[in-house]
Amino acid sequence: MKFELIEFAAADDVRERAADQLEEEAGRHPETDVDPVAAIGAAVAALTAGVRAEGLRIEASVAELAAVREPAPRRPWARPPADFRPGRFSKGDAR
């Protein structure tokens, strides 16, 4: 691969700094500059509302799945033998 160094004029650097400054100013909100506690409270309220909505969506999905679920058919060959006693798994019980 071949790389070459590209040098930009000094005017480009000034434009970048001006763009960065505009981005910083755009990121500031008057209400957050005045009262940071209110901004944190608003952010927490927004996050809480989002989490609550997501929880309701998940709850509805689970309820829908529970309503659709049908029990699996029992297969006679999948049942344990008639003399099976749970809890005893020694070599003598193996068949």
C-alpha atoms as a PDB file:
ATOM      1  CA  MET A   1       0.000   0.000   0.000  1.00  0.00           C
ATOM      2  CA  LYS A   2       1.137   3.454  -0.771  1.00  0.00           C
ATOM      3  CA  PHE A   3       0.366   6.361   1.533  1.00  0.00           C
ATOM      4  CA  GLU A   4       1.031   9.966   0.896  1.00  0.00           C
ATOM      5  CA  LEU A   5       0.943  12.868   3.290  1.00  0.00           C
ATOM      6  CA  ILE A   6      -1.571  15.567   2.519  1.00  0.00           C
ATOM      7  CA  GLU A   7      -1.084  18.965   4.100  1.00  0.00           C
ATOM      8  CA  PHE A   8      -3.982  21.334   4.411  1.00  0.00           C
ATOM      9  CA  ALA A   9      -3.801  25.075   4.333  1.00  0.00           C
ATOM     10  CA  ALA A  10      -4.018  27.090   7.545  1.00  0.00           C
ATOM     11  CA  ALA A  11      -7.500  28.327   6.592  1.00  0.00           C
ATOM     12  CA  ASP A  12      -8.851  24.791   6.931  1.00  0.00           C
ATOM     13  CA  ASP A  13      -7.655  24.661  10.539  1.00  0.00           C
ATOM     14  CA  VAL A  14      -9.486  27.903  11.301  1.00  0.00           C
ATOM     15  CA  ARG A  15     -12.662  26.491   9.735  1.00  0.00           C
ATOM     16  CA  GLU A  16     -12.350  23.317  11.829  1.00  0.00           C
ATOM     17  CA  ARG A  17     -11.957  25.311  15.027  1.00  0.00           C
ATOM     18  CA  ALA A  18     -14.971  27.450  14.114  1.00  0.00           C
ATOM     19  CA  ALA A  19     -17.015  24.320  13.366  1.00  0.00           C
ATOM     20  CA  ASP A  20     -15.998  22.784  16.710  1.00  0.00           C
ATOM     21  CA  GLN A  21     -16.998  25.963  18.498  1.00  0.00           C
ATOM     22  CA  LEU A  22     -20.399  25.955  16.760  1.00  0.00           C
ATOM     23  CA  GLU A  23     -20.933  22.308  17.733  1.00  0.00           C
ATOM     24  CA  GLU A  24     -20.129  23.087  21.359  1.00  0.00           C
ATOM     25  CA  GLU A  25     -22.552  26.007  21.381  1.00  0.00           C
ATOM     26  CA  ALA A  26     -25.244  23.912  19.708  1.00  0.00           C
ATOM     27  CA  GLY A  27     -24.801  21.259  22.384  1.00  0.00           C
ATOM     28  CA  ARG A  28     -25.553  23.742  25.155  1.00  0.00           C
ATOM     29  CA  HIS A  29     -29.128  24.222  26.209  1.00  0.00           C
ATOM     30  CA  PRO A  30     -30.193  27.317  28.124  1.00  0.00           C
ATOM     31  CA  GLU A  31     -32.205  25.326  30.667  1.00  0.00           C
ATOM     32  CA  THR A  32     -29.272  23.022  31.467  1.00  0.00           C
ATOM     33  CA  ASP A  33     -26.833  25.913  31.799  1.00  0.00           C
ATOM     34  CA  VAL A  34     -29.100  27.542  34.365  1.00  0.00           C
ATOM     35  CA  ASP A  35     -30.168  24.552  36.490  1.00  0.00           C
ATOM     36  CA  PRO A  36     -28.148  21.328  36.158  1.00  0.00           C
ATOM     37  CA  VAL A  37     -30.282  19.574  38.801  1.00  0.00           C
ATOM     38  CA  ALA A  38     -33.408  20.127  36.705  1.00  0.00           C
ATOM     39  CA  ALA A  39     -31.593  18.793  33.633  1.00  0.00           C
ATOM     40  CA  ILE A  40     -30.563  15.649  35.508  1.00  0.00           C
ATOM     41  CA  GLY A  41     -34.113  15.236  36.793  1.00  0.00           C
ATOM     42  CA  ALA A  42     -35.484  15.555  33.263  1.00  0.00           C
ATOM     43  CA  ALA A  43     -32.966  13.023  31.941  1.00  0.00           C
ATOM     44  CA  VAL A  44     -33.818  10.559  34.714  1.00  0.00           C
ATOM     45  CA  ALA A  45     -37.537  11.012  34.031  1.00  0.00           C
ATOM     46  CA  ALA A  46     -36.993  10.371  30.317  1.00  0.00           C
ATOM     47  CA  LEU A  47     -34.930   7.246  31.026  1.00  0.00           C
ATOM     48  CA  THR A  48     -37.510   5.994  33.522  1.00  0.00           C
ATOM     49  CA  ALA A  49     -40.311   6.465  31.010  1.00  0.00           C
ATOM     50  CA  GLY A  50     -38.302   4.608  28.364  1.00  0.00           C
ATOM     51  CA  VAL A  51     -37.561   1.716  30.706  1.00  0.00           C
ATOM     52  CA  ARG A  52     -41.205   1.535  31.784  1.00  0.00           C
ATOM     53  CA  ALA A  53     -42.347   1.448  28.139  1.00  0.00           C
ATOM     54  CA  GLU A  54     -39.816  -1.276  27.322  1.00  0.00           C
ATOM     55  CA  GLY A  55     -40.969  -3.292  30.336  1.00  0.00           C
ATOM     56  CA  LEU A  56     -44.587  -3.050  29.217  1.00  0.00           C
ATOM     57  CA  ARG A  57     -43.599  -4.144  25.712  1.00  0.00           C
ATOM     58  CA  ILE A  58     -41.724  -7.166  27.073  1.00  0.00           C
ATOM     59  CA  GLU A  59     -44.618  -8.029  29.390  1.00  0.00           C
ATOM     60  CA  ALA A  60     -47.048  -7.935  26.451  1.00  0.00           C
ATOM     61  CA  SER A  61     -44.741 -10.158  24.380  1.00  0.00           C
ATOM     62  CA  VAL A  62     -44.444 -12.708  27.185  1.00  0.00           C
ATOM     63  CA  ALA A  63     -48.221 -12.742  27.669  1.00  0.00           C
ATOM     64  CA  GLU A  64     -48.679 -13.259  23.939  1.00  0.00           C
ATOM     65  CA  LEU A  65     -46.211 -16.142  23.922  1.00  0.00           C
ATOM     66  CA  ALA A  66     -47.877 -17.714  26.956  1.00  0.00           C
ATOM     67  CA  ALA A  67     -51.254 -17.579  25.205  1.00  0.00           C
ATOM     68  CA  VAL A  68     -49.879 -19.183  22.038  1.00  0.00           C
ATOM     69  CA  ARG A  69     -47.839 -21.924  23.727  1.00  0.00           C
ATOM     70  CA  GLU A  70     -49.296 -25.386  23.415  1.00  0.00           C
ATOM     71  CA  PRO A  71     -48.100 -28.251  25.577  1.00  0.00           C
ATOM     72  CA  ALA A  72     -45.788 -30.700  23.878  1.00  0.00           C
ATOM     73  CA  PRO A  73     -47.397 -34.055  23.126  1.00  0.00           C
ATOM     74  CA  ARG A  74     -46.399 -36.819  25.513  1.00  0.00           C
ATOM     75  CA  ARG A  75     -44.445 -39.606  23.930  1.00  0.00           C
ATOM     76  CA  PRO A  76     -44.746 -42.972  25.643  1.00  0.00           C
ATOM     77  CA  TRP A  77     -41.163 -43.860  24.777  1.00  0.00           C
ATOM     78  CA  ALA A  78     -39.952 -40.707  26.577  1.00  0.00           C
ATOM     79  CA  ARG A  79     -41.438 -41.700  29.939  1.00  0.00           C
ATOM     80  CA  PRO A  80     -39.254 -43.254  32.629  1.00  0.00           C
ATOM     81  CA  PRO A  81     -39.693 -46.966  33.386  1.00  0.00           C
ATOM     82  CA  ALA A  82     -42.436 -47.965  35.840  1.00  0.00           C
ATOM     83  CA  ASP A  83     -39.954 -48.971  38.564  1.00  0.00           C
ATOM     84  CA  PHE A  84     -38.003 -45.702  38.319  1.00  0.00           C
ATOM     85  CA  ARG A  85     -37.319 -44.070  41.686  1.00  0.00           C
ATOM     86  CA  PRO A  86     -36.019 -40.494  41.484  1.00  0.00           C
ATOM     87  CA  GLY A  87     -32.906 -39.771  43.488  1.00  0.00           C
ATOM     88  CA  ARG A  88     -31.307 -43.198  43.120  1.00  0.00           C
ATOM     89  CA  PHE A  89     -28.705 -43.139  40.388  1.00  0.00           C
ATOM     90  CA  SER A  90     -26.259 -45.833  41.348  1.00  0.00           C
ATOM     91  CA  LYS A  91     -24.802 -48.453  39.013  1.00  0.00           C
ATOM     92  CA  GLY A  92     -27.261 -51.012  40.311  1.00  0.00           C
ATOM     93  CA  ASP A  93     -30.238 -48.945  39.089  1.00  0.00           C
ATOM     94  CA  ALA A  94     -28.904 -48.550  35.563  1.00  0.00           C
ATOM     95  CA  ARG A  95     -30.633 -50.645  32.924  1.00  0.00           C
END
